N, C-alpha and C. Protein backbone atom coordinates (compact mmCIF):
# COMPACT_ATOMS: atom_id res chain seq x y z
N UNK A 1 118.60 124.68 98.59
CA UNK A 1 118.53 124.64 97.14
C UNK A 1 117.69 123.43 96.72
N UNK A 2 116.75 123.65 95.83
CA UNK A 2 115.91 122.58 95.32
C UNK A 2 116.60 121.94 94.12
N UNK A 3 116.83 120.64 94.20
CA UNK A 3 117.56 119.93 93.15
C UNK A 3 116.59 119.18 92.26
N UNK A 4 116.81 119.26 90.96
CA UNK A 4 115.99 118.54 89.99
C UNK A 4 116.10 117.04 90.20
N UNK A 5 117.29 116.58 90.52
CA UNK A 5 117.54 115.15 90.66
C UNK A 5 117.70 114.80 92.14
N UNK A 6 116.58 114.83 92.86
CA UNK A 6 116.62 114.59 94.30
C UNK A 6 115.62 113.51 94.66
N UNK A 7 116.10 112.53 95.42
CA UNK A 7 115.25 111.46 95.92
C UNK A 7 115.06 111.61 97.42
N UNK A 8 114.52 110.57 98.02
CA UNK A 8 114.24 110.61 99.45
C UNK A 8 115.51 110.76 100.29
N UNK A 9 116.56 110.04 99.92
CA UNK A 9 117.80 110.05 100.71
C UNK A 9 119.02 110.56 99.97
N UNK A 10 118.93 110.65 98.65
CA UNK A 10 120.10 111.04 97.86
C UNK A 10 119.71 112.07 96.80
N UNK A 11 120.73 112.72 96.28
CA UNK A 11 120.55 113.63 95.14
C UNK A 11 121.71 113.41 94.18
N UNK A 12 121.48 113.78 92.94
CA UNK A 12 122.50 113.69 91.90
C UNK A 12 122.86 115.10 91.48
N UNK A 13 124.14 115.43 91.53
CA UNK A 13 124.59 116.72 91.02
C UNK A 13 126.04 116.61 90.56
N UNK A 14 126.68 117.73 90.33
CA UNK A 14 128.01 117.70 89.71
C UNK A 14 129.09 117.24 90.69
N UNK A 15 130.13 116.67 90.11
CA UNK A 15 131.31 116.28 90.87
C UNK A 15 132.15 117.53 91.08
N UNK A 16 132.61 117.71 92.31
CA UNK A 16 133.39 118.89 92.67
C UNK A 16 134.84 118.49 92.99
N UNK A 17 135.71 119.46 92.96
CA UNK A 17 137.13 119.22 93.25
C UNK A 17 137.32 118.52 94.59
N UNK A 18 136.57 118.93 95.59
CA UNK A 18 136.73 118.35 96.93
C UNK A 18 136.23 116.91 97.03
N UNK A 19 135.58 116.39 95.98
CA UNK A 19 135.11 115.00 95.96
C UNK A 19 136.22 114.00 95.63
N UNK A 20 137.30 114.49 95.04
CA UNK A 20 138.31 113.55 94.53
C UNK A 20 139.02 112.71 95.59
N UNK A 21 139.27 113.19 96.80
CA UNK A 21 139.85 112.27 97.79
C UNK A 21 138.96 111.04 98.04
N UNK A 22 137.65 111.24 98.10
CA UNK A 22 136.74 110.10 98.28
C UNK A 22 136.76 109.20 97.06
N UNK A 23 136.66 109.79 95.88
CA UNK A 23 136.66 109.00 94.64
C UNK A 23 137.97 108.22 94.52
N UNK A 24 139.08 108.87 94.83
CA UNK A 24 140.38 108.19 94.76
C UNK A 24 140.41 106.98 95.68
N UNK A 25 139.82 107.10 96.86
CA UNK A 25 139.82 105.97 97.79
C UNK A 25 139.03 104.79 97.23
N UNK A 26 137.97 105.06 96.47
CA UNK A 26 137.19 103.97 95.86
C UNK A 26 138.03 103.21 94.84
N UNK A 27 138.87 103.95 94.13
CA UNK A 27 139.71 103.31 93.11
C UNK A 27 140.88 102.54 93.72
N UNK A 28 141.02 102.60 95.03
CA UNK A 28 141.97 101.75 95.75
C UNK A 28 141.27 100.53 96.34
N UNK A 29 139.96 100.46 96.20
CA UNK A 29 139.15 99.38 96.78
C UNK A 29 138.89 98.32 95.70
N UNK A 30 139.54 97.18 95.83
CA UNK A 30 139.42 96.12 94.82
C UNK A 30 137.98 95.65 94.67
N UNK A 31 137.22 95.59 95.75
CA UNK A 31 135.82 95.16 95.65
C UNK A 31 135.00 96.13 94.80
N UNK A 32 135.20 97.43 95.03
CA UNK A 32 134.50 98.43 94.22
C UNK A 32 134.86 98.24 92.74
N UNK A 33 136.15 98.13 92.45
CA UNK A 33 136.60 98.02 91.06
C UNK A 33 136.08 96.76 90.39
N UNK A 34 135.99 95.67 91.10
CA UNK A 34 135.52 94.40 90.51
C UNK A 34 134.06 94.49 90.06
N UNK A 35 133.28 95.31 90.74
CA UNK A 35 131.87 95.44 90.37
C UNK A 35 131.62 96.63 89.45
N UNK A 36 132.46 97.64 89.51
CA UNK A 36 132.23 98.87 88.77
C UNK A 36 132.85 98.86 87.38
N UNK A 37 133.94 98.15 87.21
CA UNK A 37 134.70 98.26 85.97
C UNK A 37 134.93 96.89 85.34
N UNK A 38 135.12 96.87 84.04
CA UNK A 38 135.33 95.62 83.31
C UNK A 38 136.81 95.28 83.16
N UNK A 39 137.68 96.16 83.57
CA UNK A 39 139.11 95.90 83.45
C UNK A 39 139.63 95.31 84.76
N UNK A 40 140.81 94.72 84.76
CA UNK A 40 141.34 94.17 86.02
C UNK A 40 141.37 95.22 87.13
N UNK A 41 141.12 94.78 88.34
CA UNK A 41 141.04 95.68 89.50
C UNK A 41 142.43 96.14 89.92
N UNK A 42 142.96 97.07 89.16
CA UNK A 42 144.28 97.63 89.44
C UNK A 42 144.09 99.04 89.96
N UNK A 43 144.54 99.33 91.17
CA UNK A 43 144.40 100.69 91.70
C UNK A 43 145.03 101.71 90.76
N UNK A 44 144.41 102.89 90.70
CA UNK A 44 144.89 103.96 89.83
C UNK A 44 145.53 105.07 90.66
N UNK A 45 146.45 105.78 90.04
CA UNK A 45 147.01 106.97 90.66
C UNK A 45 145.92 108.03 90.76
N UNK A 46 146.03 108.92 91.75
CA UNK A 46 145.03 109.97 91.91
C UNK A 46 144.86 110.78 90.63
N UNK A 47 145.96 111.09 89.96
CA UNK A 47 145.89 111.87 88.72
C UNK A 47 145.15 111.09 87.62
N UNK A 48 145.36 109.79 87.56
CA UNK A 48 144.67 108.97 86.55
C UNK A 48 143.16 109.01 86.78
N UNK A 49 142.75 108.90 88.04
CA UNK A 49 141.33 108.94 88.37
C UNK A 49 140.74 110.29 87.96
N UNK A 50 141.41 111.36 88.33
CA UNK A 50 140.91 112.69 88.00
C UNK A 50 140.83 112.88 86.49
N UNK A 51 141.82 112.39 85.76
CA UNK A 51 141.82 112.50 84.30
C UNK A 51 140.62 111.79 83.69
N UNK A 52 140.27 110.63 84.23
CA UNK A 52 139.10 109.88 83.73
C UNK A 52 137.85 110.74 83.87
N UNK A 53 137.67 111.35 85.03
CA UNK A 53 136.47 112.15 85.25
C UNK A 53 136.50 113.46 84.48
N UNK A 54 137.67 114.02 84.27
CA UNK A 54 137.79 115.24 83.47
C UNK A 54 137.37 114.99 82.03
N UNK A 55 137.63 113.78 81.52
CA UNK A 55 137.24 113.43 80.16
C UNK A 55 135.73 113.53 79.98
N UNK A 56 134.97 113.25 81.04
CA UNK A 56 133.52 113.33 80.95
C UNK A 56 133.05 114.74 80.65
N UNK A 57 133.76 115.74 81.14
CA UNK A 57 133.35 117.13 80.96
C UNK A 57 133.45 117.58 79.52
N UNK A 58 134.41 117.05 78.79
CA UNK A 58 134.69 117.56 77.46
C UNK A 58 134.02 116.83 76.33
N UNK A 59 132.97 116.06 76.61
CA UNK A 59 132.35 115.28 75.55
C UNK A 59 130.84 115.29 75.66
N UNK A 60 130.19 115.16 74.52
CA UNK A 60 128.73 115.08 74.47
C UNK A 60 128.22 113.66 74.65
N UNK A 61 129.13 112.69 74.62
CA UNK A 61 128.73 111.28 74.70
C UNK A 61 128.60 110.78 76.13
N UNK A 62 128.85 111.64 77.11
CA UNK A 62 128.82 111.21 78.51
C UNK A 62 128.17 112.27 79.39
N UNK A 63 127.45 111.79 80.39
CA UNK A 63 126.85 112.65 81.41
C UNK A 63 127.14 111.97 82.74
N UNK A 64 127.77 112.68 83.67
CA UNK A 64 128.13 112.06 84.95
C UNK A 64 127.64 112.91 86.12
N UNK A 65 127.22 112.22 87.17
CA UNK A 65 126.74 112.88 88.38
C UNK A 65 127.43 112.30 89.60
N UNK A 66 127.57 113.13 90.62
CA UNK A 66 127.91 112.64 91.96
C UNK A 66 126.61 112.19 92.60
N UNK A 67 126.64 111.06 93.30
CA UNK A 67 125.51 110.65 94.14
C UNK A 67 125.85 111.16 95.54
N UNK A 68 124.97 111.98 96.10
CA UNK A 68 125.23 112.59 97.40
C UNK A 68 124.16 112.24 98.42
N UNK A 69 124.60 112.09 99.65
CA UNK A 69 123.70 111.93 100.78
C UNK A 69 122.98 113.27 100.97
N UNK A 70 121.65 113.25 101.06
CA UNK A 70 120.89 114.49 101.21
C UNK A 70 121.25 115.25 102.47
N UNK A 71 121.47 114.55 103.57
CA UNK A 71 121.71 115.23 104.84
C UNK A 71 123.11 115.82 104.94
N UNK A 72 124.12 115.03 104.61
CA UNK A 72 125.51 115.48 104.79
C UNK A 72 126.10 116.12 103.54
N UNK A 73 125.49 115.90 102.40
CA UNK A 73 125.97 116.37 101.10
C UNK A 73 127.28 115.69 100.69
N UNK A 74 127.71 114.64 101.41
CA UNK A 74 128.94 113.95 101.04
C UNK A 74 128.70 113.07 99.82
N UNK A 75 129.73 112.94 99.00
CA UNK A 75 129.64 112.07 97.83
C UNK A 75 129.72 110.62 98.30
N UNK A 76 128.79 109.80 97.79
CA UNK A 76 128.78 108.38 98.17
C UNK A 76 128.94 107.47 96.95
N UNK A 77 128.87 108.07 95.75
CA UNK A 77 129.01 107.28 94.54
C UNK A 77 128.95 108.16 93.31
N UNK A 78 128.97 107.52 92.15
CA UNK A 78 128.86 108.21 90.87
C UNK A 78 127.88 107.44 89.99
N UNK A 79 127.25 108.16 89.09
CA UNK A 79 126.30 107.54 88.16
C UNK A 79 126.15 108.45 86.95
N UNK A 80 125.63 107.89 85.88
CA UNK A 80 125.39 108.71 84.71
C UNK A 80 125.15 107.88 83.47
N UNK A 81 125.40 108.53 82.34
CA UNK A 81 125.20 107.91 81.04
C UNK A 81 126.49 108.00 80.24
N UNK A 82 126.79 106.92 79.55
CA UNK A 82 127.98 106.84 78.72
C UNK A 82 127.54 106.40 77.33
N UNK A 83 128.42 106.55 76.36
CA UNK A 83 128.14 106.10 74.99
C UNK A 83 126.79 106.61 74.49
N UNK A 84 126.50 107.89 74.75
CA UNK A 84 125.24 108.49 74.32
C UNK A 84 125.28 108.68 72.81
N UNK A 85 124.24 108.20 72.15
CA UNK A 85 124.05 108.44 70.72
C UNK A 85 122.79 109.29 70.61
N UNK A 86 122.98 110.60 70.59
CA UNK A 86 121.85 111.53 70.65
C UNK A 86 120.89 111.34 69.49
N UNK A 87 121.41 111.10 68.29
CA UNK A 87 120.53 110.97 67.11
C UNK A 87 119.61 109.76 67.21
N UNK A 88 120.00 108.75 67.98
CA UNK A 88 119.16 107.57 68.16
C UNK A 88 118.43 107.56 69.50
N UNK A 89 118.76 108.50 70.37
CA UNK A 89 118.14 108.53 71.69
C UNK A 89 118.51 107.34 72.55
N UNK A 90 119.78 106.94 72.50
CA UNK A 90 120.26 105.76 73.21
C UNK A 90 121.42 106.15 74.12
N UNK A 91 121.44 105.57 75.34
CA UNK A 91 122.53 105.81 76.27
C UNK A 91 122.76 104.57 77.12
N UNK A 92 123.98 104.44 77.63
CA UNK A 92 124.34 103.34 78.52
C UNK A 92 124.46 103.89 79.94
N UNK A 93 123.68 103.33 80.84
CA UNK A 93 123.68 103.76 82.24
C UNK A 93 124.82 103.10 83.00
N UNK A 94 125.43 103.85 83.91
CA UNK A 94 126.42 103.27 84.82
C UNK A 94 126.18 103.83 86.22
N UNK A 95 126.55 103.05 87.22
CA UNK A 95 126.40 103.47 88.61
C UNK A 95 127.41 102.73 89.47
N UNK A 96 127.91 103.41 90.48
CA UNK A 96 128.78 102.78 91.46
C UNK A 96 128.63 103.49 92.80
N UNK A 97 128.26 102.75 93.83
CA UNK A 97 128.24 103.29 95.19
C UNK A 97 129.61 102.99 95.78
N UNK A 98 130.42 104.01 95.91
CA UNK A 98 131.80 103.82 96.34
C UNK A 98 131.98 103.70 97.84
N UNK A 99 131.18 104.43 98.59
CA UNK A 99 131.31 104.43 100.05
C UNK A 99 130.62 103.18 100.61
N UNK A 100 131.40 102.29 101.19
CA UNK A 100 130.88 100.98 101.63
C UNK A 100 129.74 101.09 102.63
N UNK A 101 129.71 102.13 103.44
CA UNK A 101 128.63 102.22 104.44
C UNK A 101 127.28 102.55 103.82
N UNK A 102 127.26 102.91 102.54
CA UNK A 102 126.00 103.23 101.87
C UNK A 102 125.54 102.14 100.91
N UNK A 103 126.29 101.05 100.81
CA UNK A 103 125.90 99.96 99.91
C UNK A 103 124.80 99.12 100.55
N UNK A 104 123.99 98.51 99.69
CA UNK A 104 122.91 97.60 100.12
C UNK A 104 121.90 98.28 101.03
N UNK A 105 121.62 99.56 100.76
CA UNK A 105 120.63 100.30 101.55
C UNK A 105 119.53 100.89 100.68
N UNK A 106 119.48 100.48 99.40
CA UNK A 106 118.44 100.99 98.51
C UNK A 106 118.77 102.31 97.84
N UNK A 107 119.95 102.84 98.08
CA UNK A 107 120.31 104.13 97.51
C UNK A 107 120.64 104.03 96.03
N UNK A 108 121.19 102.89 95.61
CA UNK A 108 121.42 102.67 94.19
C UNK A 108 120.12 102.67 93.41
N UNK A 109 119.09 102.06 93.99
CA UNK A 109 117.78 102.04 93.34
C UNK A 109 117.22 103.45 93.21
N UNK A 110 117.36 104.26 94.26
CA UNK A 110 116.91 105.65 94.18
C UNK A 110 117.64 106.39 93.07
N UNK A 111 118.95 106.21 93.00
CA UNK A 111 119.75 106.89 91.99
C UNK A 111 119.35 106.45 90.58
N UNK A 112 119.14 105.16 90.39
CA UNK A 112 118.75 104.66 89.07
C UNK A 112 117.39 105.21 88.66
N UNK A 113 116.45 105.24 89.58
CA UNK A 113 115.13 105.79 89.25
C UNK A 113 115.23 107.27 88.85
N UNK A 114 116.05 108.04 89.56
CA UNK A 114 116.26 109.44 89.19
C UNK A 114 116.89 109.55 87.80
N UNK A 115 117.89 108.71 87.54
CA UNK A 115 118.56 108.73 86.23
C UNK A 115 117.60 108.35 85.11
N UNK A 116 116.80 107.31 85.33
CA UNK A 116 115.87 106.88 84.30
C UNK A 116 114.85 107.97 83.99
N UNK A 117 114.29 108.57 85.03
CA UNK A 117 113.31 109.64 84.80
C UNK A 117 113.96 110.81 84.07
N UNK A 118 115.14 111.21 84.48
CA UNK A 118 115.86 112.29 83.83
C UNK A 118 116.20 111.93 82.38
N UNK A 119 116.70 110.73 82.18
CA UNK A 119 117.09 110.31 80.84
C UNK A 119 115.92 110.27 79.86
N UNK A 120 114.80 109.73 80.32
CA UNK A 120 113.65 109.60 79.42
C UNK A 120 112.88 110.91 79.28
N UNK A 121 112.67 111.64 80.37
CA UNK A 121 111.80 112.82 80.31
C UNK A 121 112.52 114.12 79.97
N UNK A 122 113.79 114.24 80.34
CA UNK A 122 114.52 115.48 80.10
C UNK A 122 115.51 115.39 78.93
N UNK A 123 116.19 114.26 78.82
CA UNK A 123 117.18 114.09 77.75
C UNK A 123 116.58 113.44 76.50
N UNK A 124 115.32 113.03 76.61
CA UNK A 124 114.57 112.48 75.48
C UNK A 124 115.17 111.18 74.94
N UNK A 125 115.73 110.36 75.82
CA UNK A 125 116.22 109.06 75.39
C UNK A 125 115.05 108.15 75.08
N UNK A 126 115.22 107.33 74.07
CA UNK A 126 114.23 106.30 73.73
C UNK A 126 114.59 104.98 74.41
N UNK A 127 115.87 104.76 74.57
CA UNK A 127 116.37 103.50 75.13
C UNK A 127 117.54 103.78 76.06
N UNK A 128 117.51 103.15 77.23
CA UNK A 128 118.64 103.19 78.15
C UNK A 128 119.06 101.75 78.38
N UNK A 129 120.35 101.51 78.25
CA UNK A 129 120.86 100.14 78.36
C UNK A 129 121.98 100.11 79.39
N UNK A 130 122.42 98.91 79.72
CA UNK A 130 123.54 98.76 80.64
C UNK A 130 124.17 97.39 80.46
N UNK A 131 125.37 97.25 80.98
CA UNK A 131 126.11 95.99 80.98
C UNK A 131 126.38 95.63 82.43
N UNK A 132 126.31 94.34 82.75
CA UNK A 132 126.57 93.89 84.12
C UNK A 132 127.25 92.53 84.07
N UNK A 133 128.22 92.34 84.94
CA UNK A 133 128.92 91.06 85.00
C UNK A 133 128.07 90.03 85.74
N UNK A 134 128.13 88.79 85.28
CA UNK A 134 127.27 87.73 85.80
C UNK A 134 127.39 87.47 87.28
N UNK A 135 128.54 87.75 87.87
CA UNK A 135 128.70 87.51 89.31
C UNK A 135 128.13 88.64 90.17
N UNK A 136 127.71 89.72 89.55
CA UNK A 136 127.16 90.85 90.30
C UNK A 136 125.65 90.66 90.48
N UNK A 137 125.31 89.65 91.25
CA UNK A 137 123.90 89.24 91.37
C UNK A 137 123.02 90.30 92.03
N UNK A 138 123.56 91.07 92.97
CA UNK A 138 122.74 92.10 93.60
C UNK A 138 122.39 93.20 92.59
N UNK A 139 123.32 93.55 91.71
CA UNK A 139 123.03 94.55 90.68
C UNK A 139 122.02 94.01 89.68
N UNK A 140 122.15 92.75 89.29
CA UNK A 140 121.21 92.15 88.35
C UNK A 140 119.80 92.19 88.93
N UNK A 141 119.67 91.83 90.18
CA UNK A 141 118.36 91.87 90.86
C UNK A 141 117.79 93.29 90.86
N UNK A 142 118.63 94.27 91.15
CA UNK A 142 118.21 95.67 91.15
C UNK A 142 117.75 96.11 89.77
N UNK A 143 118.55 95.84 88.74
CA UNK A 143 118.21 96.27 87.39
C UNK A 143 116.89 95.66 86.92
N UNK A 144 116.70 94.40 87.22
CA UNK A 144 115.44 93.76 86.83
C UNK A 144 114.27 94.33 87.62
N UNK A 145 114.50 94.71 88.87
CA UNK A 145 113.44 95.27 89.71
C UNK A 145 112.95 96.63 89.20
N UNK A 146 113.82 97.38 88.54
CA UNK A 146 113.40 98.68 88.01
C UNK A 146 112.99 98.60 86.54
N UNK A 147 112.90 97.39 85.99
CA UNK A 147 112.32 97.22 84.67
C UNK A 147 113.24 96.83 83.54
N UNK A 148 114.53 96.79 83.77
CA UNK A 148 115.44 96.39 82.70
C UNK A 148 115.20 94.93 82.33
N UNK A 149 115.32 94.66 81.02
CA UNK A 149 115.15 93.30 80.51
C UNK A 149 116.49 92.81 79.96
N UNK A 150 116.81 91.56 80.28
CA UNK A 150 118.04 90.97 79.75
C UNK A 150 117.84 90.73 78.26
N UNK A 151 118.74 91.28 77.46
CA UNK A 151 118.61 91.19 76.01
C UNK A 151 119.72 90.38 75.35
N UNK A 152 120.77 90.13 76.08
CA UNK A 152 121.85 89.37 75.48
C UNK A 152 122.93 89.03 76.48
N UNK A 153 123.92 88.30 75.98
CA UNK A 153 124.99 87.83 76.84
C UNK A 153 126.28 87.70 76.03
N UNK A 154 127.36 88.23 76.59
CA UNK A 154 128.69 87.93 76.08
C UNK A 154 129.22 86.81 76.97
N UNK A 155 129.23 85.60 76.43
CA UNK A 155 129.63 84.44 77.23
C UNK A 155 131.11 84.49 77.58
N UNK A 156 131.41 84.10 78.81
CA UNK A 156 132.78 84.02 79.32
C UNK A 156 133.59 85.27 78.97
N UNK A 157 133.01 86.40 79.24
CA UNK A 157 133.55 87.70 78.84
C UNK A 157 134.76 88.14 79.65
N UNK A 158 134.78 87.83 80.94
CA UNK A 158 135.81 88.38 81.83
C UNK A 158 136.40 87.29 82.71
N UNK A 159 137.68 87.44 83.00
CA UNK A 159 138.37 86.51 83.88
C UNK A 159 138.56 87.16 85.24
N UNK A 160 138.05 86.51 86.27
CA UNK A 160 138.24 86.96 87.65
C UNK A 160 138.54 85.75 88.52
N UNK A 161 139.65 85.79 89.22
CA UNK A 161 140.04 84.70 90.13
C UNK A 161 140.05 83.35 89.43
N UNK A 162 140.66 83.28 88.26
CA UNK A 162 140.82 82.05 87.48
C UNK A 162 139.50 81.49 86.95
N UNK A 163 138.46 82.26 86.96
CA UNK A 163 137.16 81.79 86.50
C UNK A 163 136.60 82.79 85.49
N UNK A 164 135.93 82.28 84.48
CA UNK A 164 135.32 83.11 83.45
C UNK A 164 133.87 83.41 83.81
N UNK A 165 133.47 84.66 83.57
CA UNK A 165 132.09 85.10 83.83
C UNK A 165 131.54 85.78 82.59
N UNK A 166 130.25 85.62 82.39
CA UNK A 166 129.59 86.29 81.28
C UNK A 166 129.26 87.73 81.65
N UNK A 167 129.05 88.54 80.62
CA UNK A 167 128.53 89.89 80.80
C UNK A 167 127.15 89.92 80.16
N UNK A 168 126.18 90.43 80.89
CA UNK A 168 124.81 90.49 80.40
C UNK A 168 124.49 91.90 79.91
N UNK A 169 123.69 91.96 78.86
CA UNK A 169 123.25 93.21 78.28
C UNK A 169 121.78 93.40 78.64
N UNK A 170 121.46 94.55 79.19
CA UNK A 170 120.09 94.87 79.59
C UNK A 170 119.64 96.13 78.89
N UNK A 171 118.33 96.24 78.66
CA UNK A 171 117.77 97.43 78.05
C UNK A 171 116.41 97.77 78.62
N UNK A 172 116.06 99.05 78.54
CA UNK A 172 114.76 99.54 78.98
C UNK A 172 114.33 100.63 78.00
N UNK A 173 113.11 100.52 77.49
CA UNK A 173 112.58 101.50 76.55
C UNK A 173 111.72 102.52 77.29
N UNK A 174 111.60 103.72 76.70
CA UNK A 174 110.83 104.79 77.34
C UNK A 174 109.41 104.35 77.68
N UNK A 175 108.70 103.72 76.74
CA UNK A 175 107.31 103.30 77.01
C UNK A 175 107.23 102.31 78.16
N UNK A 176 108.22 101.43 78.26
CA UNK A 176 108.25 100.47 79.37
C UNK A 176 108.42 101.20 80.70
N UNK A 177 109.28 102.21 80.71
CA UNK A 177 109.51 102.99 81.92
C UNK A 177 108.24 103.76 82.32
N UNK A 178 107.60 104.39 81.36
CA UNK A 178 106.38 105.15 81.65
C UNK A 178 105.32 104.26 82.27
N UNK A 179 105.18 103.05 81.75
CA UNK A 179 104.17 102.12 82.27
C UNK A 179 104.54 101.53 83.63
N UNK A 180 105.82 101.53 83.96
CA UNK A 180 106.29 100.87 85.17
C UNK A 180 106.58 101.80 86.33
N UNK A 181 106.98 103.03 86.05
CA UNK A 181 107.57 103.89 87.08
C UNK A 181 106.66 104.17 88.27
N UNK A 182 105.37 104.25 88.06
CA UNK A 182 104.46 104.55 89.18
C UNK A 182 104.32 103.38 90.14
N UNK A 183 104.70 102.19 89.70
CA UNK A 183 104.57 101.01 90.56
C UNK A 183 105.81 100.76 91.41
N UNK A 184 106.88 101.51 91.15
CA UNK A 184 108.14 101.29 91.89
C UNK A 184 108.18 102.09 93.18
């Protein structure tokens, strides 16, 4: 099957029922939660996790994809758009590589490039933005490498391990993406 959202090593498609055991295991991983979510890293019940993802299906403000390994078709993460304001052409990008053996291998970058191209060329977004915690330096480096610009900061936004960290706001406009995408 030829997938619209397919990169060299990964593809983006729908989350399936059989993906939930893997997804549930990520929500038991404190390291994953500390980088993926803004709330305290508290493991969730399997039903709570499934309910969160089911909410995505019933709304126009969210688009979610499974990130899959091209060879094995196994789910390795999730990505998509949240807080979509269709009338303004604005969406907030999110991504999480849940399977630890696939982290730091460039697959997040592939997924983001697929999402950006899809968001700008197919969904007609004018602006794609994201939020990232200040201690997530590898994600910050990745976002800047694909063209996102830091536009703001919520100072001392989150408490982790008795220390306060800022949350940075990043944005990328369609014209910026068009001018940059061929160089990535």
